[in-house]
N, C-alpha and C. Protein backbone atom coordinates (compact mmCIF):
# COMPACT_ATOMS: atom_id res chain seq x y z
N MET A 1 1.93 -13.09 3.46
CA MET A 1 2.96 -13.21 2.44
C MET A 1 3.96 -12.06 2.60
N ALA A 2 5.20 -12.34 2.46
CA ALA A 2 6.25 -11.32 2.58
C ALA A 2 6.58 -10.74 1.20
N PHE A 3 7.35 -9.68 1.21
CA PHE A 3 7.80 -9.06 -0.03
C PHE A 3 8.52 -10.08 -0.90
N ALA A 4 8.20 -10.10 -2.19
CA ALA A 4 8.84 -11.00 -3.15
C ALA A 4 9.45 -10.16 -4.27
N ILE A 5 10.76 -10.14 -4.35
CA ILE A 5 11.47 -9.32 -5.34
C ILE A 5 11.04 -9.64 -6.77
N ARG A 6 10.64 -10.88 -7.04
CA ARG A 6 10.23 -11.27 -8.39
C ARG A 6 8.93 -10.58 -8.82
N ASN A 7 8.18 -10.01 -7.87
CA ASN A 7 6.93 -9.33 -8.19
C ASN A 7 7.11 -7.82 -8.37
N LEU A 8 8.34 -7.35 -8.35
CA LEU A 8 8.66 -5.94 -8.53
C LEU A 8 9.22 -5.72 -9.93
N SER A 9 8.62 -4.79 -10.68
CA SER A 9 9.11 -4.52 -12.03
C SER A 9 9.17 -3.03 -12.31
N VAL A 10 10.09 -2.67 -13.18
CA VAL A 10 10.24 -1.28 -13.63
C VAL A 10 9.28 -1.04 -14.78
N LEU A 11 8.48 0.02 -14.67
CA LEU A 11 7.59 0.41 -15.77
C LEU A 11 8.21 1.51 -16.63
N ALA A 12 8.94 2.43 -15.98
CA ALA A 12 9.57 3.52 -16.72
C ALA A 12 10.74 4.06 -15.90
N TYR A 13 11.74 4.56 -16.63
CA TYR A 13 12.92 5.13 -15.99
C TYR A 13 13.40 6.31 -16.81
N ALA A 14 13.68 7.44 -16.15
CA ALA A 14 14.24 8.60 -16.84
C ALA A 14 14.83 9.56 -15.82
N ASN A 15 16.01 10.07 -16.11
CA ASN A 15 16.64 11.11 -15.30
C ASN A 15 16.70 10.79 -13.80
N GLY A 16 16.99 9.57 -13.46
CA GLY A 16 17.11 9.18 -12.07
C GLY A 16 15.80 8.87 -11.37
N PHE A 17 14.69 8.94 -12.08
CA PHE A 17 13.37 8.62 -11.53
C PHE A 17 12.92 7.28 -12.09
N THR A 18 12.31 6.45 -11.23
CA THR A 18 11.80 5.16 -11.67
C THR A 18 10.35 5.02 -11.24
N LEU A 19 9.53 4.53 -12.16
CA LEU A 19 8.15 4.17 -11.88
C LEU A 19 8.11 2.66 -11.80
N TRP A 20 7.67 2.14 -10.66
CA TRP A 20 7.68 0.71 -10.39
C TRP A 20 6.26 0.16 -10.32
N HIS A 21 6.14 -1.14 -10.50
CA HIS A 21 4.90 -1.85 -10.21
C HIS A 21 5.25 -3.01 -9.29
N TYR A 22 4.42 -3.19 -8.26
CA TYR A 22 4.59 -4.33 -7.37
C TYR A 22 3.27 -5.05 -7.21
N LYS A 23 3.26 -6.33 -7.50
CA LYS A 23 2.08 -7.17 -7.33
C LYS A 23 2.19 -7.86 -5.98
N ALA A 24 1.33 -7.45 -5.04
CA ALA A 24 1.45 -7.89 -3.65
C ALA A 24 0.78 -9.23 -3.37
N GLY A 25 0.14 -9.83 -4.35
CA GLY A 25 -0.49 -11.13 -4.14
C GLY A 25 -1.59 -11.06 -3.11
N LYS A 26 -1.47 -11.85 -2.05
CA LYS A 26 -2.51 -11.90 -1.02
C LYS A 26 -2.37 -10.82 0.05
N ASP A 27 -1.27 -10.06 0.01
CA ASP A 27 -1.08 -8.99 1.00
C ASP A 27 -2.03 -7.83 0.73
N ALA A 28 -2.46 -7.19 1.80
CA ALA A 28 -3.35 -6.02 1.71
C ALA A 28 -2.53 -4.75 1.49
N LEU A 29 -3.19 -3.71 0.99
CA LEU A 29 -2.52 -2.43 0.76
C LEU A 29 -1.90 -1.88 2.04
N GLU A 30 -2.59 -2.03 3.16
CA GLU A 30 -2.05 -1.54 4.43
C GLU A 30 -0.74 -2.23 4.79
N THR A 31 -0.63 -3.51 4.51
CA THR A 31 0.59 -4.27 4.79
C THR A 31 1.75 -3.75 3.95
N VAL A 32 1.49 -3.55 2.68
CA VAL A 32 2.55 -3.08 1.76
C VAL A 32 2.99 -1.67 2.13
N GLY A 33 2.07 -0.83 2.58
CA GLY A 33 2.38 0.55 2.91
C GLY A 33 3.09 0.73 4.24
N ARG A 34 3.14 -0.31 5.04
CA ARG A 34 3.82 -0.21 6.34
C ARG A 34 5.31 0.01 6.16
N GLY A 35 5.90 0.67 7.14
CA GLY A 35 7.33 0.94 7.09
C GLY A 35 8.17 -0.30 6.88
N ASN A 36 9.05 -0.22 5.95
CA ASN A 36 10.09 -1.21 5.66
C ASN A 36 9.61 -2.51 5.02
N TYR A 37 8.38 -2.59 4.54
CA TYR A 37 7.91 -3.78 3.83
C TYR A 37 8.81 -4.06 2.62
N LEU A 38 9.28 -3.01 1.98
CA LEU A 38 10.08 -3.12 0.75
C LEU A 38 11.59 -3.13 1.01
N ALA A 39 12.00 -3.40 2.22
CA ALA A 39 13.42 -3.31 2.60
C ALA A 39 14.33 -4.16 1.73
N ASP A 40 13.87 -5.30 1.26
CA ASP A 40 14.73 -6.16 0.44
C ASP A 40 15.07 -5.53 -0.91
N ALA A 41 14.36 -4.47 -1.28
CA ALA A 41 14.64 -3.77 -2.54
C ALA A 41 15.32 -2.43 -2.29
N SER A 42 15.82 -2.21 -1.09
CA SER A 42 16.38 -0.90 -0.73
C SER A 42 17.56 -0.49 -1.61
N ASP A 43 18.28 -1.45 -2.16
CA ASP A 43 19.42 -1.12 -3.03
C ASP A 43 18.98 -0.72 -4.43
N MET A 44 17.69 -0.89 -4.77
CA MET A 44 17.19 -0.54 -6.10
C MET A 44 16.32 0.71 -6.09
N LEU A 45 15.78 1.08 -4.95
CA LEU A 45 14.84 2.19 -4.85
C LEU A 45 15.54 3.47 -4.43
N THR A 46 14.95 4.60 -4.84
CA THR A 46 15.49 5.92 -4.53
C THR A 46 14.35 6.81 -4.06
N ALA A 47 14.63 7.68 -3.12
CA ALA A 47 13.62 8.64 -2.68
C ALA A 47 13.10 9.41 -3.89
N GLY A 48 11.78 9.51 -3.98
CA GLY A 48 11.15 10.17 -5.11
C GLY A 48 10.59 9.21 -6.14
N ASP A 49 11.02 7.95 -6.10
CA ASP A 49 10.44 6.94 -7.00
C ASP A 49 8.97 6.74 -6.65
N LEU A 50 8.18 6.37 -7.63
CA LEU A 50 6.77 6.05 -7.41
C LEU A 50 6.56 4.56 -7.62
N MET A 51 5.65 4.00 -6.82
CA MET A 51 5.35 2.57 -6.91
C MET A 51 3.86 2.39 -7.07
N MET A 52 3.46 1.74 -8.15
CA MET A 52 2.07 1.35 -8.34
C MET A 52 1.92 -0.02 -7.69
N ILE A 53 1.04 -0.12 -6.73
CA ILE A 53 0.86 -1.36 -5.98
C ILE A 53 -0.50 -1.96 -6.32
N THR A 54 -0.52 -3.24 -6.68
CA THR A 54 -1.79 -3.96 -6.78
C THR A 54 -1.77 -5.02 -5.70
N ALA A 55 -2.83 -5.03 -4.91
CA ALA A 55 -2.91 -5.92 -3.76
C ALA A 55 -4.24 -6.65 -3.76
N ALA A 56 -4.43 -7.50 -2.77
CA ALA A 56 -5.65 -8.30 -2.67
C ALA A 56 -6.89 -7.42 -2.51
N ASP A 57 -6.73 -6.24 -1.92
CA ASP A 57 -7.88 -5.38 -1.66
C ASP A 57 -7.90 -4.10 -2.48
N GLY A 58 -7.15 -4.03 -3.58
CA GLY A 58 -7.19 -2.85 -4.45
C GLY A 58 -5.83 -2.42 -4.95
N ALA A 59 -5.74 -1.13 -5.29
CA ALA A 59 -4.50 -0.59 -5.85
C ALA A 59 -4.22 0.77 -5.23
N ARG A 60 -2.96 1.16 -5.27
CA ARG A 60 -2.55 2.44 -4.69
C ARG A 60 -1.21 2.84 -5.30
N ILE A 61 -0.95 4.14 -5.31
CA ILE A 61 0.36 4.63 -5.73
C ILE A 61 1.07 5.15 -4.48
N LEU A 62 2.28 4.65 -4.27
CA LEU A 62 3.10 5.07 -3.13
C LEU A 62 4.31 5.84 -3.64
N CYS A 63 4.76 6.79 -2.86
CA CYS A 63 5.99 7.52 -3.14
C CYS A 63 7.05 7.03 -2.15
N VAL A 64 8.23 6.73 -2.65
CA VAL A 64 9.34 6.35 -1.78
C VAL A 64 9.89 7.63 -1.16
N THR A 65 9.80 7.74 0.16
CA THR A 65 10.28 8.94 0.84
C THR A 65 11.68 8.78 1.40
N LEU A 66 12.07 7.53 1.66
CA LEU A 66 13.42 7.25 2.15
C LEU A 66 13.83 5.87 1.67
N ALA A 67 15.02 5.77 1.13
CA ALA A 67 15.57 4.48 0.72
C ALA A 67 17.07 4.51 0.99
N ASP A 68 17.47 3.74 1.99
CA ASP A 68 18.90 3.59 2.26
C ASP A 68 19.15 2.14 2.64
N ILE A 69 20.28 1.85 3.19
CA ILE A 69 20.66 0.46 3.46
C ILE A 69 19.61 -0.21 4.33
N GLN A 70 18.90 -1.17 3.76
CA GLN A 70 17.89 -1.99 4.43
C GLN A 70 16.70 -1.23 5.00
N THR A 71 16.44 -0.03 4.51
CA THR A 71 15.29 0.74 4.96
C THR A 71 14.60 1.38 3.76
N VAL A 72 13.30 1.15 3.65
CA VAL A 72 12.49 1.82 2.63
C VAL A 72 11.21 2.29 3.31
N ILE A 73 10.97 3.59 3.26
CA ILE A 73 9.77 4.19 3.81
C ILE A 73 8.97 4.77 2.65
N THR A 74 7.67 4.52 2.65
CA THR A 74 6.80 5.03 1.58
C THR A 74 5.65 5.83 2.19
N ALA A 75 5.02 6.62 1.34
CA ALA A 75 3.82 7.38 1.73
C ALA A 75 2.86 7.34 0.55
N PRO A 76 1.57 7.22 0.82
CA PRO A 76 0.60 7.20 -0.28
C PRO A 76 0.50 8.58 -0.93
N LEU A 77 0.28 8.59 -2.23
CA LEU A 77 0.03 9.87 -2.91
C LEU A 77 -1.38 10.31 -2.57
N SER A 78 -1.56 11.59 -2.37
CA SER A 78 -2.92 12.06 -2.05
C SER A 78 -3.52 12.80 -3.20
């Protein structure tokens, strides 16, 4: 399954920071965490945003490290 914009929602927003939730459906956490999976949302995401991901194999919080035209790179929070 590919990224679906309808499964992305804002949970909180303040001072230029956004906390997101993405329901990945049948995709695994590893798939969602790969580079540029979220590219279709690049115009909405900003470096420093956090994303709560629920996937077929669990949940994870990712930090957006880069978001520009058609590129979104994330890293898991440790």
